[in-house]
Protein backbone atom coordinates (compact mmCIF):
# COMPACT_ATOMS: atom_id res chain seq x y z
CA UNK A 1 4.28 -6.24 6.92
CA UNK A 2 7.82 -5.10 7.72
CA UNK A 3 10.36 -6.07 5.09
CA UNK A 4 13.96 -6.32 6.19
CA UNK A 5 15.82 -5.81 2.92
CA UNK A 6 19.51 -6.73 2.74
CA UNK A 7 20.70 -3.17 3.40
CA UNK A 8 17.59 -1.93 5.16
CA UNK A 9 16.59 0.24 2.21
CA UNK A 10 13.32 0.52 0.27
CA UNK A 11 11.78 -2.32 -1.71
CA UNK A 12 10.19 -2.00 -5.16
CA UNK A 13 7.55 -4.41 -6.39
CA UNK A 14 6.71 -4.73 -10.10
CA UNK A 15 3.80 -6.45 -11.84
CA UNK A 16 4.67 -6.47 -15.55
CA UNK A 17 1.69 -7.41 -17.64
CA UNK A 18 0.93 -7.52 -21.33
CA UNK A 19 -0.69 -4.09 -21.37
CA UNK A 20 0.80 -2.20 -18.43
CA UNK A 21 3.50 -2.21 -15.77
CA UNK A 22 2.59 -1.35 -12.21
CA UNK A 23 5.18 -0.48 -9.61
CA UNK A 24 5.07 0.13 -5.87
CA UNK A 25 7.73 1.49 -3.55
CA UNK A 26 7.68 0.17 0.01
CA UNK A 27 9.49 1.93 2.87
CA UNK A 28 9.38 0.52 6.41
CA UNK A 29 6.47 -1.71 5.45
CA UNK A 30 4.37 1.10 3.97
CA UNK A 31 3.51 1.61 0.30
CA UNK A 32 4.66 5.17 -0.37
CA UNK A 33 4.18 5.20 -4.15
CA UNK A 34 1.97 3.23 -6.55
CA UNK A 35 2.19 4.03 -10.27
CA UNK A 36 1.52 2.59 -13.73
CA UNK A 37 3.25 2.95 -17.10
CA UNK A 38 3.11 1.03 -20.35
CA UNK A 39 4.13 -2.62 -20.64
CA UNK A 40 7.73 -3.62 -20.05
CA UNK A 41 7.14 -7.19 -21.17
CA UNK A 42 9.38 -7.88 -24.17
CA UNK A 43 6.91 -10.49 -25.42
CA UNK A 44 4.50 -7.64 -26.11
CA UNK A 45 6.66 -4.58 -26.78
CA UNK A 46 10.14 -3.99 -28.14
CA UNK A 47 13.10 -4.11 -25.79
CA UNK A 48 13.56 -0.37 -26.39
CA UNK A 49 9.97 0.36 -25.39
CA UNK A 50 10.26 -1.87 -22.33
CA UNK A 51 13.44 -0.09 -21.27
CA UNK A 52 11.84 3.33 -21.76
CA UNK A 53 8.77 2.38 -19.72
CA UNK A 54 10.92 1.03 -16.90
CA UNK A 55 13.03 4.20 -16.92
CA UNK A 56 9.88 6.30 -16.60
CA UNK A 57 8.49 4.13 -13.81
CA UNK A 58 11.64 4.10 -11.67
CA UNK A 59 12.08 7.85 -12.11
CA UNK A 60 8.52 8.52 -11.00
CA UNK A 61 8.87 6.10 -8.08
CA UNK A 62 12.09 7.88 -7.04
CA UNK A 63 13.49 4.41 -6.46
CA UNK A 64 17.22 4.72 -7.14
CA UNK A 65 17.82 3.97 -3.45
CA UNK A 66 15.99 0.63 -3.54
CA UNK A 67 17.72 -2.29 -1.82
CA UNK A 68 15.47 -4.98 -3.30
CA UNK A 69 13.34 -5.23 -6.43
CA UNK A 70 10.87 -8.09 -6.76
CA UNK A 71 9.30 -8.35 -10.21
CA UNK A 72 6.66 -10.65 -11.61
CA UNK A 73 6.16 -10.86 -15.37
CA UNK A 74 4.58 -13.09 -17.96
CA UNK A 75 6.89 -15.17 -20.14
CA UNK A 76 9.48 -15.84 -17.43
CA UNK A 77 9.98 -19.49 -18.27
CA UNK A 78 13.76 -19.88 -17.92
CA UNK A 79 16.65 -18.40 -15.98
CA UNK A 80 17.64 -16.61 -19.19
CA UNK A 81 14.21 -14.97 -19.39
CA UNK A 82 14.56 -13.76 -15.81
CA UNK A 83 18.05 -12.43 -16.40
CA UNK A 84 16.99 -10.60 -19.56
CA UNK A 85 14.37 -8.66 -17.60
CA UNK A 86 16.64 -8.15 -14.61
CA UNK A 87 19.24 -6.57 -16.92
CA UNK A 88 16.68 -3.93 -17.91
CA UNK A 89 15.89 -3.17 -14.27
CA UNK A 90 19.39 -3.03 -12.73
CA UNK A 91 20.55 0.26 -14.30
CA UNK A 92 17.80 2.07 -12.39
CA UNK A 93 18.59 0.51 -8.99
CA UNK A 94 22.39 0.13 -8.84
CA UNK A 95 22.50 -1.02 -5.20
CA UNK A 96 19.53 -3.39 -5.30
CA UNK A 97 19.21 -7.13 -5.49
CA UNK A 98 16.79 -7.92 -8.33
CA UNK A 99 14.52 -10.97 -8.22
CA UNK A 100 12.35 -11.90 -11.24
CA UNK A 101 9.64 -14.57 -11.25
CA UNK A 102 6.69 -15.59 -13.40
CA UNK A 103 3.74 -13.33 -12.60
CA UNK A 104 1.52 -16.24 -11.58
CA UNK A 105 3.57 -16.45 -8.37
CA UNK A 106 2.33 -13.00 -7.42
CA UNK A 107 -1.27 -14.24 -7.42
CA UNK A 108 -0.62 -17.08 -5.01
CA UNK A 109 1.31 -14.80 -2.65
CA UNK A 110 -1.31 -12.04 -2.87
CA UNK A 111 -3.95 -14.64 -2.03
CA UNK A 112 -2.14 -15.43 1.20
CA UNK A 113 -1.31 -19.00 0.20
CA UNK A 114 2.09 -20.66 0.33
CA UNK A 115 0.97 -23.67 -1.69
CA UNK A 116 -1.79 -24.12 -4.26
CA UNK A 117 -2.55 -23.10 -7.82
CA UNK A 118 -2.66 -19.56 -9.18
CA UNK A 119 -4.55 -18.85 -12.39
CA UNK A 120 -3.99 -15.70 -14.43
CA UNK A 121 -6.96 -14.53 -16.48
CA UNK A 122 -5.96 -11.17 -17.89
CA UNK A 123 -4.53 -10.07 -21.22
CA UNK A 124 -3.04 -13.57 -21.33
CA UNK A 125 -3.62 -16.71 -19.29
CA UNK A 126 -1.56 -19.25 -17.37
CA UNK A 127 -1.68 -21.49 -14.32
CA UNK A 128 1.16 -22.16 -11.89
CA UNK A 129 1.30 -24.03 -8.64
CA UNK A 130 3.49 -25.44 -5.93
CA UNK A 131 3.05 -28.05 -3.19
CA UNK A 132 4.49 -28.57 0.28
CA UNK A 133 7.42 -30.52 -1.20
CA UNK A 134 8.45 -27.46 -3.20
CA UNK A 135 7.52 -29.08 -6.52
CA UNK A 136 6.19 -26.75 -9.21
CA UNK A 137 3.99 -27.20 -12.27
CA UNK A 138 2.73 -24.95 -15.04
CA UNK A 139 -0.02 -25.02 -17.65
CA UNK A 140 -0.51 -22.58 -20.47
CA UNK A 141 1.31 -19.27 -20.51
CA UNK A 142 2.56 -19.94 -24.03
CA UNK A 143 1.58 -16.54 -25.43
CA UNK A 144 -1.25 -15.52 -27.69
CA UNK A 145 0.06 -17.21 -30.84
CA UNK A 146 0.18 -20.63 -29.17
CA UNK A 147 -2.52 -20.46 -26.53
CA UNK A 148 -3.77 -17.96 -23.92
CA UNK A 149 -7.16 -19.67 -23.87
CA UNK A 150 -9.66 -17.91 -21.63
CA UNK A 151 -7.74 -14.64 -21.71
CA UNK A 152 -8.85 -11.16 -22.69
CA UNK A 153 -7.10 -11.51 -26.03
CA UNK A 154 -8.79 -14.86 -26.63
CA UNK A 155 -12.23 -13.36 -25.94
CA UNK A 156 -11.55 -10.41 -28.25
CA UNK A 157 -10.33 -12.67 -31.06
CA UNK A 158 -13.24 -15.08 -30.66
CA UNK A 159 -15.69 -12.16 -30.90
CA UNK A 160 -14.11 -11.28 -34.24
CA UNK A 161 -14.33 -14.89 -35.43
CA UNK A 162 -17.95 -15.09 -34.30
CA UNK A 163 -18.82 -11.93 -36.24
CA UNK A 164 -17.05 -13.07 -39.40
CA UNK A 165 -18.74 -16.48 -39.24
CA UNK A 166 -22.15 -14.83 -39.10
CA UNK A 167 -21.17 -12.63 -42.04
CA UNK A 168 -20.22 -15.69 -44.10
CA UNK A 169 -23.60 -17.22 -43.33
CA UNK A 170 -25.31 -14.13 -44.68
CA UNK A 171 -26.72 -13.13 -41.29
CA UNK A 172 -27.21 -9.55 -40.18
CA UNK A 173 -24.93 -8.24 -37.43
CA UNK A 174 -26.34 -9.02 -34.00
CA UNK A 175 -25.79 -7.22 -30.69
CA UNK A 176 -22.33 -8.69 -30.11
CA UNK A 177 -21.12 -7.81 -33.60
CA UNK A 178 -22.65 -4.34 -33.44
CA UNK A 179 -20.93 -3.76 -30.11
CA UNK A 180 -17.62 -4.88 -31.58
CA UNK A 181 -18.02 -2.63 -34.62
CA UNK A 182 -18.84 0.33 -32.38
CA UNK A 183 -15.81 -0.32 -30.18
CA UNK A 184 -13.46 -0.59 -33.17
CA UNK A 185 -14.97 2.25 -35.19
CA UNK A 186 -15.79 0.03 -38.17
CA UNK A 187 -18.87 0.09 -40.39
CA UNK A 188 -19.33 -3.58 -41.30
CA UNK A 189 -18.04 -7.01 -40.23
CA UNK A 190 -15.91 -7.54 -43.33
CA UNK A 191 -13.66 -4.67 -42.23
CA UNK A 192 -12.70 -6.66 -39.14
CA UNK A 193 -10.36 -8.88 -41.19
CA UNK A 194 -7.96 -6.15 -42.27
CA UNK A 195 -8.35 -4.37 -38.92
CA UNK A 196 -7.41 -7.49 -37.00
CA UNK A 197 -4.24 -8.00 -39.05
CA UNK A 198 -3.31 -4.32 -39.10
CA UNK A 199 -0.01 -3.33 -37.44
CA UNK A 200 -1.99 -0.60 -35.69
CA UNK A 201 -3.83 -3.20 -33.61
CA UNK A 202 -2.30 -5.98 -31.57
CA UNK A 203 -2.58 -8.16 -28.50
CA UNK A 204 -3.40 -5.32 -26.12
CA UNK A 205 -5.95 -3.78 -28.45
CA UNK A 206 -7.88 -6.99 -28.96
CA UNK A 207 -7.68 -7.92 -25.29
CA UNK A 208 -9.42 -4.63 -24.53
CA UNK A 209 -12.32 -5.72 -26.76
CA UNK A 210 -13.10 -8.47 -24.26
CA UNK A 211 -15.25 -5.90 -22.49
CA UNK A 212 -17.58 -5.98 -25.52
CA UNK A 213 -18.10 -9.70 -24.89
CA UNK A 214 -18.67 -9.31 -21.15
CA UNK A 215 -21.14 -6.46 -21.70
CA UNK A 216 -23.07 -8.46 -24.29
CA UNK A 217 -23.15 -11.46 -21.96
CA UNK A 218 -24.50 -9.31 -19.14
CA UNK A 219 -27.23 -8.15 -21.52
CA UNK A 220 -28.23 -11.75 -22.20
CA UNK A 221 -26.50 -12.45 -25.54
CA UNK A 222 -26.27 -16.24 -25.90
CA UNK A 223 -23.12 -16.25 -28.03
CA UNK A 224 -21.24 -13.97 -25.65
CA UNK A 225 -22.30 -16.12 -22.71
CA UNK A 226 -21.06 -19.21 -24.51
CA UNK A 227 -17.65 -17.58 -25.05
CA UNK A 228 -17.29 -16.64 -21.39
CA UNK A 229 -18.38 -20.12 -20.32
CA UNK A 230 -15.78 -21.61 -22.65
CA UNK A 231 -13.12 -19.29 -21.23
CA UNK A 232 -14.03 -20.43 -17.71
CA UNK A 233 -13.83 -24.08 -18.77
CA UNK A 234 -10.39 -23.61 -20.37
CA UNK A 235 -9.01 -21.79 -17.33
CA UNK A 236 -10.37 -24.50 -15.02
CA UNK A 237 -8.81 -27.19 -17.20
CA UNK A 238 -5.38 -25.57 -16.78
CA UNK A 239 -5.86 -25.26 -13.02
CA UNK A 240 -6.94 -28.89 -12.68
CA UNK A 241 -3.96 -30.06 -14.74
CA UNK A 242 -1.54 -28.30 -12.40
CA UNK A 243 -3.33 -29.55 -9.30
CA UNK A 244 -3.20 -33.15 -10.56
CA UNK A 245 0.51 -32.90 -11.36
CA UNK A 246 1.24 -31.63 -7.86
CA UNK A 247 -1.13 -34.01 -6.08
CA UNK A 248 -3.08 -31.22 -4.37
CA UNK A 249 -6.73 -30.20 -4.27
CA UNK A 250 -6.32 -26.47 -3.69
CA UNK A 251 -6.49 -23.74 -2.99
CA UNK A 252 -6.97 -22.49 -6.54
CA UNK A 253 -6.73 -18.70 -6.73
CA UNK A 254 -8.17 -16.87 -9.74
CA UNK A 255 -6.82 -13.42 -10.46
CA UNK A 256 -6.00 -10.65 -12.94
CA UNK A 257 -8.45 -8.41 -14.81
CA UNK A 258 -10.99 -10.89 -16.13
CA UNK A 259 -10.64 -13.28 -13.24
CA UNK A 260 -11.28 -10.63 -10.61
CA UNK A 261 -14.03 -8.69 -12.37
CA UNK A 262 -16.30 -11.00 -14.41
CA UNK A 263 -18.80 -12.84 -12.18
CA UNK A 264 -20.00 -15.21 -14.91
CA UNK A 265 -16.39 -16.29 -15.55
CA UNK A 266 -15.88 -16.84 -11.83
CA UNK A 267 -19.05 -18.92 -11.53
CA UNK A 268 -18.16 -21.07 -14.52
CA UNK A 269 -14.63 -21.54 -13.22
CA UNK A 270 -15.88 -22.72 -9.82
CA UNK A 271 -18.42 -25.08 -11.40
CA UNK A 272 -15.88 -26.64 -13.78
CA UNK A 273 -13.39 -27.23 -10.96
CA UNK A 274 -16.06 -28.68 -8.70
CA UNK A 275 -16.67 -31.27 -11.42
CA UNK A 276 -12.97 -32.15 -11.06
CA UNK A 277 -13.33 -32.54 -7.30
CA UNK A 278 -11.68 -29.21 -6.46
CA UNK A 279 -13.84 -27.08 -4.17
CA UNK A 280 -11.31 -24.74 -2.54
CA UNK A 281 -11.52 -22.00 -5.17
CA UNK A 282 -10.91 -18.35 -4.33
CA UNK A 283 -11.12 -15.14 -6.32
CA UNK A 284 -8.23 -12.82 -5.53
CA UNK A 285 -9.47 -9.85 -3.52
CA UNK A 286 -6.44 -7.60 -3.92
CA UNK A 287 -4.22 -6.77 -6.84
CA UNK A 288 -1.43 -9.28 -7.61
CA UNK A 289 1.29 -6.66 -7.20
CA UNK A 290 0.86 -6.85 -3.44
CA UNK A 291 2.12 -10.41 -3.68
CA UNK A 292 5.56 -8.91 -4.31
CA UNK A 293 5.57 -7.68 -0.70
CA UNK A 294 4.92 -11.20 0.60
CA UNK A 295 7.54 -12.72 -1.71
CA UNK A 296 10.11 -10.06 -0.91
CA UNK A 297 9.62 -10.57 2.82
CA UNK A 298 10.06 -14.33 2.42
CA UNK A 299 13.13 -13.82 0.25
CA UNK A 300 14.72 -11.38 2.67
CA UNK A 301 13.97 -13.69 5.59
CA UNK A 302 15.61 -16.62 3.83
CA UNK A 303 18.75 -14.55 3.36
CA UNK A 304 19.14 -13.69 7.04
CA UNK A 305 21.42 -16.00 9.04
CA UNK A 306 19.73 -18.22 11.58
CA UNK A 307 19.85 -16.97 15.18
CA UNK A 308 21.82 -19.15 17.56
């Protein structure tokens, strides 16, 4: 896709997640650089860390000549949120126009849909959608302290709760608990309490433990399968809520790390939405960051004067 940026220069796309920031540089419609650094989301890291990670990324992308930056990030709920992130980006691209949107918009664009519902199932979770009238609706996306049901963090935390509950019942550690202890380097379930609250662990760390749950589920562990099924149900509930608000029945596009890589989650998600009468459900088949190319092209096209 050829992107006609305002000054004809390169475009940079950013996907700023809770655990990492991915950036691409696009020149004449071709991706010439694709790199990752640490998170630049100020909901998950300090503003100083976010700024440092962005500085590293733009330097490695060699993107000072960018004419347009299109960034998607979690936690962009207001114009002030968008401006706060844009202010961290602008020093690295002095001649560029900077556009910041909620990262759920990247999923819909990457899925090739102009209307529908996008569901993020990664470190965090959220659903966002739009209809042909341009109306928008959101569900979830409140952050891990208030929600993020069905996310990687949620699965990691629930594995800890499961293990501690078994400990309180006087039961021996089972396969899920043993997997969690091995992944965290702990000797017994009781140590999970202090480890969970330790400043040395956090949202990203516990989201990474979701792989313990998915591996246990693949091995047939009933408790792990229940957790993944519950995650699928919660994600579907958010998607259905957005679809109802917008008066649409799809498409619903599931994306991000868990959504794109855990078949049991995908199956449960489809089944739960089918029960709500929503059958047009798709799993994203390319990374959300490529949605920035679609959005940037649409944005640049909207800025061009109409031909007489």
